[in-house]
Structure formats: C-alpha cells, structure tokens
Amino acid sequence: MILHFLDELQSLWEPFGQLGSLAVRAGLAAVLAFVVALLIGPRLIRALQMKRYIEDQVHTESETLNEINRQKQPTPTMGGLMIVLAVLVSGLMFGDLTNSYVMLAILSTLGYGFIGFIDDWIKLTHPGRKGLQAASKYALQALVAGSLAFVITRIFQAQGLPELLGLHIPFTGGAWIDLSGMGGLPFMLLVMIVVTGTSNAVNLTDGMDGLAPGSLIVAALAMAVLAVAVGRAESLELDLLYVPRSQEMTVFCTSMVGATLGFLWFNAPPALVYMGDTGSLPLGSLLGYVAVVLKLELALFIIGGVFVWEALSVILQVGTYKFTGGKRVFLCAPFHHHLQFKGIPETRIVVRFWIMAVLCAAAGLASLAVD
C-alpha cells in the first residue's frame, strides 16, 4: 500500500522514493507491527477477561502437570488475535500488494488464524470439549495448505525454472530432488506437509510463558535475512537459488518479529495473556510458507529446530506408548514438560530454549554454504 503512496510523493521530491526500499519497509514493518500489538494488547486482554475467555491449566490428563500449573493464575487466552492483526496491518501497509507471494502470505495468516480462532472459541465456550475434533481441524488445515500449494506450484511453473519445483538439500552446495512430476503433485504435497507441519509444531511449543514467541522471533529473523539473500541472489552474485520477487517475504518476516515482540511484552512470565491456537497456528503456517517460497524447506528444519524437536518428542511419546503397551520415552510430552517434571524452573527452561533457537538459526544459516 505504501509503495503506491510513495510513487505519488516521488513525483514531488525524488528522495521520497528511497523510503520504498526493501530495507526501510522491512524495518518499518517490524516497528508498526510492534506498536499495533502494544496498542491492541491492553484492550484485548480486558475484553478477554470480561468475556471470561480464561485458560485454566489444571484440567489436563496429567495430575503432575495439573499440580505444577496450580501455582499459576487462570489467564486469558486467544491473545494471538493481537499478533494476527498486527501482522496483517503491517504486511498490508508495507508489502507490495502486486506481488503474488504477498497475497498468499495474507491467505495463510487469515486461513490458519480462522482455524485457530474457532478451535479456541469451542474450547472456551463449550466446557468439556477440547476444541475442534482432530479430523475437522486437520481437514481445514489441509484445505488452506492445499490452496496455497496449488497456487504457488502454478506460480513456480510459470517461472520456467525446474529447480523451483524441487527439494533443496542443505550442506550440499545446491543439490536438489526434482518434485515436478505429475503436474507438480509431489511438490504440492511437500508444501502441504511443510506449512501444516510447521503450524502444528509451533502450536505444540506454545506451552510455557514466552517459549514459543521467543523461539519464533529468532527463526523469523533468520528467515528475514535469507529472504533478502534468495530474492536478490542474482544481483548480489550469491551462490543461492534465485527466486524472483521472493524478497518481499522479508516484510512478512519482520512483521512477524515485531508483532510477536509486542505479544511477548504481555506474555513474558508471569503471562498476562496466552497466545492460544489463534496465534500459534497462523504464525507457524506463515513461517512454513515463507520457507517454501524461498526454497528452504529443509533449512527450516534446522532453523526451527526447537519446534521440530518439540513435535518429534510428542510423536516419539505417542508412538512408544501405543506400540509398547504403555511405556514412555519422556516423563511428559512435549519435551518442555519433561524438563518441567524434572523440577527445572519454567523460566530457566524458556531461556534455554531461546538459546537453542539461536544456535539452530545459526546452524541453518551455515547450512546454505554461501561463499
């Protein structure tokens, strides 16, 4: 939106055109998203309290976890609304709305935000229910991810670059697996797996004050750097796959950073509000979508290592329990609860996860082997 406005101003004074540069827009996007979240936060928290949209964490299936959580005050949830609104406002203001990738980023945020909102709303307004039924929830996620996959596959096919429809392998200097067969169906499946998987992985990580937001800020910052590199690899002569016009994803990455920082202002321990599925699902889907656009699906596996481990800990726990007749790998899953059961203070767990998020992001950046 601002690009159109600046085009008009540039006709009056040439230096105004510099305000439309990617670096300026990305920085302003982060600031605006932070400010919007900060302004919305207090009003949203009061509204959630008045509606009694409170999450009481003493009704889980684990008595040990219930006992730990009894020390916490019941806290409003659905705070992810401030994140979604901040990301959308900032993205619409500073993104290039003529760019197809930008419009799909908006679709991903809205689609998964709606799914998360419905899931939270059912939990809060229908006592005894745990939100959307699993089949319904995954079907809605697949519908949104499938729509993204179909459109982005067609965009990549129109580029005439076969490597865009491939899975690129980190630490190999450019090796990739062709997924363009059958009209791009294998690539569409990859997109659906990455977007849906990342969305649910972030959702599973959202279990302690500040844990998911802090880890996501680090991952989004790393993806912002990579968006600049991939979108301008040709002009900067970088040894990276060039994805035309993908640099616009930088604006959405910095919008995520700003919006999540604004939310963390209220979610820092002890939390005044929880993110809920309303925030974790769209943030995760947007992070996964950005990785698909940048052709960094496997690099995201490293950059988002904290989210990957949290999801794997649940898969390992459930799989072991089912196939061994009740044995468990961890005291509780996701893994942050295992550490909690071992008596490690929650704040210490969160900070250590943040440290691991930084290390994972650094490893992910190193995996691209840019000379």
Protein backbone atom coordinates (compact mmCIF):
# COMPACT_ATOMS: atom_id res chain seq x y z
CA MET A 1 0.00 0.00 0.00
CA ILE A 2 2.75 2.45 0.94
CA LEU A 3 4.53 1.81 -2.36
CA HIS A 4 1.65 3.36 -4.29
CA PHE A 5 1.67 6.36 -1.95
CA LEU A 6 5.44 6.80 -2.30
CA ASP A 7 5.20 6.68 -6.09
CA GLU A 8 2.98 9.74 -5.88
CA LEU A 9 5.34 11.52 -3.46
CA GLN A 10 8.39 10.70 -5.56
CA SER A 11 6.99 12.83 -8.35
CA LEU A 12 7.17 15.76 -5.92
CA TRP A 13 10.60 15.02 -4.46
CA GLU A 14 12.98 12.30 -5.67
CA PRO A 15 14.39 11.23 -2.24
CA PHE A 16 10.91 10.05 -1.19
CA GLY A 17 11.49 7.09 -3.49
CA GLN A 18 14.19 5.79 -1.16
CA LEU A 19 11.56 5.20 1.51
CA GLY A 20 10.20 2.40 -0.63
CA SER A 21 13.41 0.37 -0.42
CA LEU A 22 13.11 -3.12 0.99
CA ALA A 23 15.33 -2.38 3.99
CA VAL A 24 13.28 0.65 5.03
CA ARG A 25 9.96 -1.12 4.54
CA ALA A 26 11.11 -4.21 6.43
CA GLY A 27 12.31 -2.12 9.36
CA LEU A 28 9.18 -0.01 9.47
CA ALA A 29 7.04 -3.15 9.20
CA ALA A 30 8.62 -4.53 12.38
CA VAL A 31 8.11 -1.24 14.21
CA LEU A 32 4.50 -0.85 13.08
CA ALA A 33 3.62 -4.45 13.97
CA PHE A 34 5.14 -3.99 17.43
CA VAL A 35 3.25 -0.74 18.02
CA VAL A 36 -0.05 -2.20 16.80
CA ALA A 37 0.32 -5.22 19.11
CA LEU A 38 1.26 -2.96 22.00
CA LEU A 39 -1.78 -0.75 21.43
CA ILE A 40 -4.20 -3.63 20.96
CA GLY A 41 -2.84 -5.68 23.87
CA PRO A 42 -4.35 -3.97 26.94
CA ARG A 43 -7.76 -3.56 25.30
CA LEU A 44 -7.80 -7.15 24.08
CA ILE A 45 -6.78 -8.53 27.47
CA ARG A 46 -9.57 -6.57 29.19
CA ALA A 47 -12.09 -7.79 26.61
CA LEU A 48 -11.00 -11.42 27.04
CA GLN A 49 -11.27 -11.10 30.82
CA MET A 50 -14.76 -9.61 30.56
CA LYS A 51 -15.85 -12.45 28.27
CA ARG A 52 -14.27 -14.94 30.69
CA TYR A 53 -12.13 -16.40 27.92
CA ILE A 54 -9.80 -17.77 30.57
CA GLU A 55 -7.47 -20.74 30.28
CA ASP A 56 -7.18 -22.74 33.49
CA GLN A 57 -4.31 -25.20 33.06
CA VAL A 58 -5.30 -27.59 35.86
CA HIS A 59 -7.57 -29.82 33.82
CA THR A 60 -5.02 -31.74 31.77
CA GLU A 61 -4.79 -35.53 31.71
CA SER A 62 -1.63 -35.39 33.87
CA GLU A 63 -2.12 -34.86 37.59
CA THR A 64 1.55 -33.93 37.96
CA LEU A 65 1.16 -31.19 35.34
CA ASN A 66 -2.06 -30.03 36.99
CA GLU A 67 -0.25 -29.73 40.31
CA ILE A 68 2.55 -27.67 38.73
CA ASN A 69 0.06 -25.38 36.99
CA ARG A 70 -1.96 -24.75 40.17
CA GLN A 71 0.70 -22.21 41.06
CA LYS A 72 -0.39 -20.11 38.07
CA GLN A 73 -3.32 -17.76 37.98
CA PRO A 74 -6.03 -18.51 35.39
CA THR A 75 -5.05 -16.37 32.39
CA PRO A 76 -6.93 -15.05 29.33
CA THR A 77 -6.18 -16.82 26.07
CA MET A 78 -6.72 -16.03 22.36
CA GLY A 79 -4.07 -13.31 22.67
CA GLY A 80 -2.91 -14.43 19.23
CA LEU A 81 -5.55 -12.07 17.86
CA MET A 82 -3.20 -9.16 18.51
CA ILE A 83 -0.42 -10.93 16.61
CA VAL A 84 -2.58 -11.76 13.59
CA LEU A 85 -3.98 -8.22 13.39
CA ALA A 86 -0.52 -6.67 13.78
CA VAL A 87 1.00 -8.90 11.07
CA LEU A 88 -1.85 -8.17 8.65
CA VAL A 89 -1.82 -4.41 9.24
CA SER A 90 1.95 -4.22 8.86
CA GLY A 91 2.06 -6.58 5.86
CA LEU A 92 -0.70 -4.73 4.04
CA MET A 93 0.88 -1.36 4.77
CA PHE A 94 4.48 -2.14 3.78
CA GLY A 95 4.15 -5.15 1.48
CA ASP A 96 3.97 -4.99 -2.30
CA LEU A 97 0.32 -5.90 -2.90
CA THR A 98 1.03 -6.59 -6.58
CA ASN A 99 3.27 -9.49 -5.52
CA SER A 100 1.51 -12.88 -5.60
CA TYR A 101 3.65 -14.20 -2.74
CA VAL A 102 2.40 -11.37 -0.52
CA MET A 103 -1.23 -12.16 -1.22
CA LEU A 104 -0.64 -15.84 -0.44
CA ALA A 105 1.06 -14.87 2.84
CA ILE A 106 -2.10 -12.97 3.76
CA LEU A 107 -4.20 -16.02 2.83
CA SER A 108 -2.06 -18.27 5.02
CA THR A 109 -2.32 -15.90 8.00
CA LEU A 110 -6.07 -15.43 7.66
CA GLY A 111 -6.83 -19.10 6.97
CA TYR A 112 -4.86 -20.58 9.85
CA GLY A 113 -5.85 -17.70 12.11
CA PHE A 114 -9.50 -18.55 11.49
CA ILE A 115 -8.89 -22.24 12.25
CA GLY A 116 -7.08 -21.36 15.47
CA PHE A 117 -9.81 -18.91 16.50
CA ILE A 118 -12.58 -21.50 16.01
CA ASP A 119 -10.56 -24.09 17.92
CA ASP A 120 -10.01 -21.73 20.87
CA TRP A 121 -13.60 -20.47 20.82
CA ILE A 122 -15.01 -24.01 21.07
CA LYS A 123 -12.70 -24.81 24.00
CA LEU A 124 -13.75 -21.67 25.86
CA THR A 125 -17.48 -21.65 25.17
CA HIS A 126 -18.21 -25.38 25.37
CA PRO A 127 -16.96 -26.76 28.71
CA GLY A 128 -15.65 -30.29 28.44
CA ARG A 129 -14.71 -30.01 24.76
CA LYS A 130 -11.09 -29.76 23.65
CA GLY A 131 -11.72 -27.65 20.58
CA LEU A 132 -12.23 -28.82 17.04
CA GLN A 133 -12.24 -32.57 16.53
CA ALA A 134 -8.85 -33.68 15.26
CA ALA A 135 -10.23 -34.80 11.89
CA SER A 136 -12.01 -31.49 11.32
CA LYS A 137 -9.00 -29.47 12.40
CA TYR A 138 -6.59 -31.30 10.12
CA ALA A 139 -9.07 -31.20 7.23
CA LEU A 140 -9.34 -27.40 7.50
CA GLN A 141 -5.56 -27.08 7.73
CA ALA A 142 -5.16 -29.30 4.68
CA LEU A 143 -7.71 -27.20 2.77
CA VAL A 144 -5.83 -23.95 3.38
CA ALA A 145 -2.41 -25.54 2.81
CA GLY A 146 -3.70 -27.27 -0.33
CA SER A 147 -4.91 -23.95 -1.73
CA LEU A 148 -1.51 -22.39 -1.05
CA ALA A 149 0.23 -25.41 -2.59
CA PHE A 150 -1.83 -25.31 -5.79
CA VAL A 151 -1.30 -21.59 -6.42
CA ILE A 152 2.39 -21.48 -5.56
CA THR A 153 3.03 -24.52 -7.77
CA ARG A 154 1.41 -22.73 -10.70
CA ILE A 155 3.48 -19.60 -9.97
CA PHE A 156 6.71 -21.62 -9.92
CA GLN A 157 5.76 -23.48 -13.10
CA ALA A 158 5.20 -20.16 -14.87
CA GLN A 159 8.75 -19.09 -13.95
CA GLY A 160 10.17 -21.78 -16.21
CA LEU A 161 12.80 -22.78 -13.64
CA PRO A 162 12.53 -26.53 -12.92
CA GLU A 163 14.59 -26.25 -9.72
CA LEU A 164 11.82 -24.20 -8.12
CA LEU A 165 9.72 -27.37 -8.01
CA GLY A 166 12.34 -29.26 -6.09
CA LEU A 167 13.50 -30.06 -2.57
CA HIS A 168 16.87 -28.42 -1.95
CA ILE A 169 19.30 -30.18 0.36
CA PRO A 170 21.38 -28.15 2.85
CA PHE A 171 25.16 -28.61 3.17
CA THR A 172 25.40 -29.90 -0.43
CA GLY A 173 26.13 -26.66 -2.28
CA GLY A 174 22.95 -26.78 -4.38
CA ALA A 175 21.85 -30.42 -4.71
CA TRP A 176 18.10 -30.86 -5.08
CA ILE A 177 15.43 -33.51 -5.69
CA ASP A 178 13.03 -32.95 -8.58
CA LEU A 179 9.38 -32.92 -7.46
CA SER A 180 7.85 -31.54 -10.65
CA GLY A 181 6.37 -34.79 -11.95
CA MET A 182 2.63 -35.46 -12.33
CA GLY A 183 1.89 -31.79 -12.84
CA GLY A 184 3.76 -30.82 -9.68
CA LEU A 185 1.70 -33.05 -7.36
CA PRO A 186 4.73 -34.22 -5.31
CA PHE A 187 5.72 -30.59 -4.77
CA MET A 188 2.17 -29.69 -3.70
CA LEU A 189 2.32 -32.47 -1.11
CA LEU A 190 5.63 -31.08 0.14
CA VAL A 191 4.10 -27.61 0.53
CA MET A 192 1.17 -29.04 2.49
CA ILE A 193 3.48 -31.02 4.79
CA VAL A 194 5.78 -28.05 5.47
CA VAL A 195 3.00 -25.50 6.09
CA THR A 196 0.81 -27.79 8.19
CA GLY A 197 3.73 -29.41 9.99
CA THR A 198 5.30 -26.09 10.96
CA SER A 199 1.95 -24.74 12.10
CA ASN A 200 1.34 -27.67 14.43
CA ALA A 201 4.96 -27.74 15.65
CA VAL A 202 4.74 -24.10 16.79
CA ASN A 203 1.39 -24.91 18.39
CA LEU A 204 2.95 -27.75 20.41
CA THR A 205 5.78 -25.47 21.54
CA ASP A 206 3.34 -22.93 22.94
CA GLY A 207 3.18 -24.39 26.44
CA MET A 208 5.13 -22.02 28.67
CA ASP A 209 5.18 -18.26 29.11
CA GLY A 210 7.35 -16.81 26.34
CA LEU A 211 8.59 -20.15 25.00
CA ALA A 212 7.02 -20.20 21.53
CA PRO A 213 7.13 -16.40 20.93
CA GLY A 214 10.83 -16.08 21.78
CA SER A 215 11.80 -19.09 19.67
CA LEU A 216 9.71 -17.88 16.75
CA ILE A 217 11.24 -14.40 16.81
CA VAL A 218 14.69 -15.94 16.32
CA ALA A 219 13.53 -18.18 13.46
CA ALA A 220 11.69 -15.32 11.72
CA LEU A 221 14.77 -13.08 11.94
CA ALA A 222 16.88 -15.77 10.29
CA MET A 223 14.28 -16.21 7.54
CA ALA A 224 14.20 -12.43 7.00
CA VAL A 225 17.94 -12.43 6.30
CA LEU A 226 17.55 -15.36 3.93
CA ALA A 227 14.62 -13.74 2.13
CA VAL A 228 16.87 -10.84 1.16
CA ALA A 229 19.62 -13.21 0.05
CA VAL A 230 17.37 -15.51 -2.01
CA GLY A 231 15.30 -12.72 -3.54
CA ARG A 232 18.43 -10.86 -4.65
CA ALA A 233 20.84 -13.76 -5.16
CA GLU A 234 21.23 -12.94 -8.84
CA SER A 235 22.13 -9.26 -8.43
CA LEU A 236 24.27 -9.89 -5.35
CA GLU A 237 26.03 -12.81 -7.09
CA LEU A 238 25.35 -15.19 -4.22
CA ASP A 239 25.67 -18.94 -4.59
CA LEU A 240 21.97 -19.43 -3.80
CA LEU A 241 18.95 -20.40 -5.83
CA TYR A 242 17.36 -17.18 -7.08
CA VAL A 243 13.59 -16.98 -6.58
CA PRO A 244 12.30 -13.91 -8.44
CA ARG A 245 10.36 -11.40 -6.30
CA SER A 246 10.69 -13.53 -3.17
CA GLN A 247 12.47 -10.72 -1.31
CA GLU A 248 9.03 -9.38 -0.36
CA MET A 249 8.85 -12.17 2.21
CA THR A 250 11.31 -10.09 4.24
CA VAL A 251 8.48 -7.69 5.11
CA PHE A 252 6.31 -10.51 6.45
CA CYS A 253 9.20 -11.99 8.43
CA THR A 254 9.92 -8.67 10.11
CA SER A 255 6.18 -8.15 10.64
CA MET A 256 6.13 -11.48 12.48
CA VAL A 257 9.10 -10.37 14.56
CA GLY A 258 7.51 -7.05 15.52
CA ALA A 259 4.06 -8.50 16.22
CA THR A 260 5.48 -11.35 18.31
CA LEU A 261 7.71 -8.97 20.26
CA GLY A 262 4.60 -6.92 21.01
CA PHE A 263 2.81 -10.02 22.21
CA LEU A 264 5.84 -11.08 24.27
CA TRP A 265 5.51 -7.76 26.12
CA PHE A 266 2.35 -9.23 27.68
CA ASN A 267 3.29 -12.90 27.56
CA ALA A 268 6.60 -12.60 29.43
CA PRO A 269 6.42 -14.59 32.69
CA PRO A 270 4.17 -14.38 34.52
CA ALA A 271 1.97 -14.10 31.43
CA LEU A 272 -0.92 -11.66 31.29
CA VAL A 273 -2.33 -13.46 28.25
CA TYR A 274 -1.74 -16.68 26.32
CA MET A 275 -1.37 -16.94 22.56
CA GLY A 276 -3.73 -19.84 22.03
CA ASP A 277 -4.19 -21.63 18.72
CA THR A 278 -5.37 -18.28 17.34
CA GLY A 279 -1.75 -17.15 17.30
CA SER A 280 0.39 -20.28 17.14
CA LEU A 281 -1.29 -21.85 14.10
CA PRO A 282 -1.06 -18.80 11.78
CA LEU A 283 2.47 -17.91 12.90
CA GLY A 284 3.66 -21.46 12.24
CA SER A 285 1.92 -21.65 8.88
CA LEU A 286 3.39 -18.30 7.79
CA LEU A 287 6.90 -19.41 8.79
CA GLY A 288 6.46 -22.63 6.80
CA TYR A 289 5.02 -20.78 3.82
CA VAL A 290 7.98 -18.37 3.73
CA ALA A 291 10.36 -21.35 3.72
CA VAL A 292 8.51 -22.83 0.72
CA VAL A 293 8.70 -19.56 -1.24
CA LEU A 294 12.44 -19.26 -0.50
CA LYS A 295 13.06 -22.95 -1.33
CA LEU A 296 14.42 -23.50 2.19
CA GLU A 297 12.10 -26.27 3.35
CA LEU A 298 14.90 -28.43 4.77
CA ALA A 299 16.85 -25.42 6.01
CA LEU A 300 13.77 -24.51 8.06
CA PHE A 301 14.02 -27.97 9.62
CA ILE A 302 17.33 -26.77 11.07
CA ILE A 303 16.45 -23.11 11.72
CA GLY A 304 13.27 -24.17 13.51
CA GLY A 305 15.00 -27.00 15.32
CA VAL A 306 13.27 -26.14 18.62
CA PHE A 307 9.84 -26.61 17.01
CA VAL A 308 10.97 -29.78 15.25
CA TRP A 309 12.22 -31.32 18.50
CA GLU A 310 9.03 -30.43 20.34
CA ALA A 311 6.93 -32.11 17.64
CA LEU A 312 9.22 -35.15 17.49
CA SER A 313 9.04 -35.57 21.25
CA VAL A 314 5.25 -35.88 21.00
CA ILE A 315 5.49 -38.32 18.08
CA LEU A 316 8.04 -40.44 19.96
CA GLN A 317 5.98 -40.41 23.15
CA VAL A 318 2.69 -41.35 21.47
CA GLY A 319 4.30 -43.94 19.19
CA THR A 320 6.21 -45.63 22.00
CA TYR A 321 3.15 -45.65 24.26
CA LYS A 322 0.98 -47.32 21.61
CA PHE A 323 3.46 -49.90 20.37
CA THR A 324 4.96 -50.96 23.72
CA GLY A 325 1.78 -51.22 25.72
CA GLY A 326 2.18 -48.13 27.87
CA LYS A 327 5.90 -47.37 28.10
CA ARG A 328 7.03 -43.76 27.78
CA VAL A 329 10.19 -42.12 26.48
CA PHE A 330 9.67 -38.88 28.42
CA LEU A 331 8.04 -38.05 31.72
CA CYS A 332 5.63 -35.88 29.73
CA ALA A 333 5.47 -34.52 26.17
CA PRO A 334 6.13 -32.08 24.56
CA PHE A 335 9.71 -32.03 25.78
CA HIS A 336 9.44 -28.78 27.75
CA HIS A 337 7.01 -30.56 30.10
CA HIS A 338 9.54 -33.38 30.56
CA LEU A 339 12.03 -30.82 31.82
CA GLN A 340 9.32 -29.27 33.99
CA PHE A 341 8.61 -32.68 35.57
CA LYS A 342 12.31 -32.98 36.40
CA GLY A 343 11.97 -29.90 38.59
CA ILE A 344 13.71 -27.35 36.36
CA PRO A 345 12.18 -23.87 36.85
CA GLU A 346 9.98 -22.75 33.97
CA THR A 347 11.86 -19.51 33.32
CA ARG A 348 15.15 -21.40 33.05
CA ILE A 349 13.62 -23.84 30.55
CA VAL A 350 12.30 -20.97 28.43
CA VAL A 351 15.62 -19.13 28.32
CA ARG A 352 17.50 -22.31 27.46
CA PHE A 353 15.05 -22.97 24.62
CA TRP A 354 15.71 -19.45 23.35
CA ILE A 355 19.44 -20.17 23.43
CA MET A 356 18.90 -23.35 21.44
CA ALA A 357 16.74 -21.41 18.98
CA VAL A 358 19.65 -19.02 18.34
CA LEU A 359 22.06 -21.92 17.82
CA CYS A 360 19.63 -23.65 15.46
CA ALA A 361 19.18 -20.45 13.45
CA ALA A 362 22.96 -20.06 13.17
CA ALA A 363 23.31 -23.68 12.02
CA GLY A 364 20.55 -23.16 9.47
CA LEU A 365 22.26 -20.09 8.04
CA ALA A 366 25.56 -22.01 7.88
CA SER A 367 23.89 -24.91 6.05
CA LEU A 368 23.48 -22.81 2.90
CA ALA A 369 27.25 -22.75 2.38
CA VAL A 370 27.33 -19.32 0.75
CA ASP A 371 30.85 -18.31 -0.34
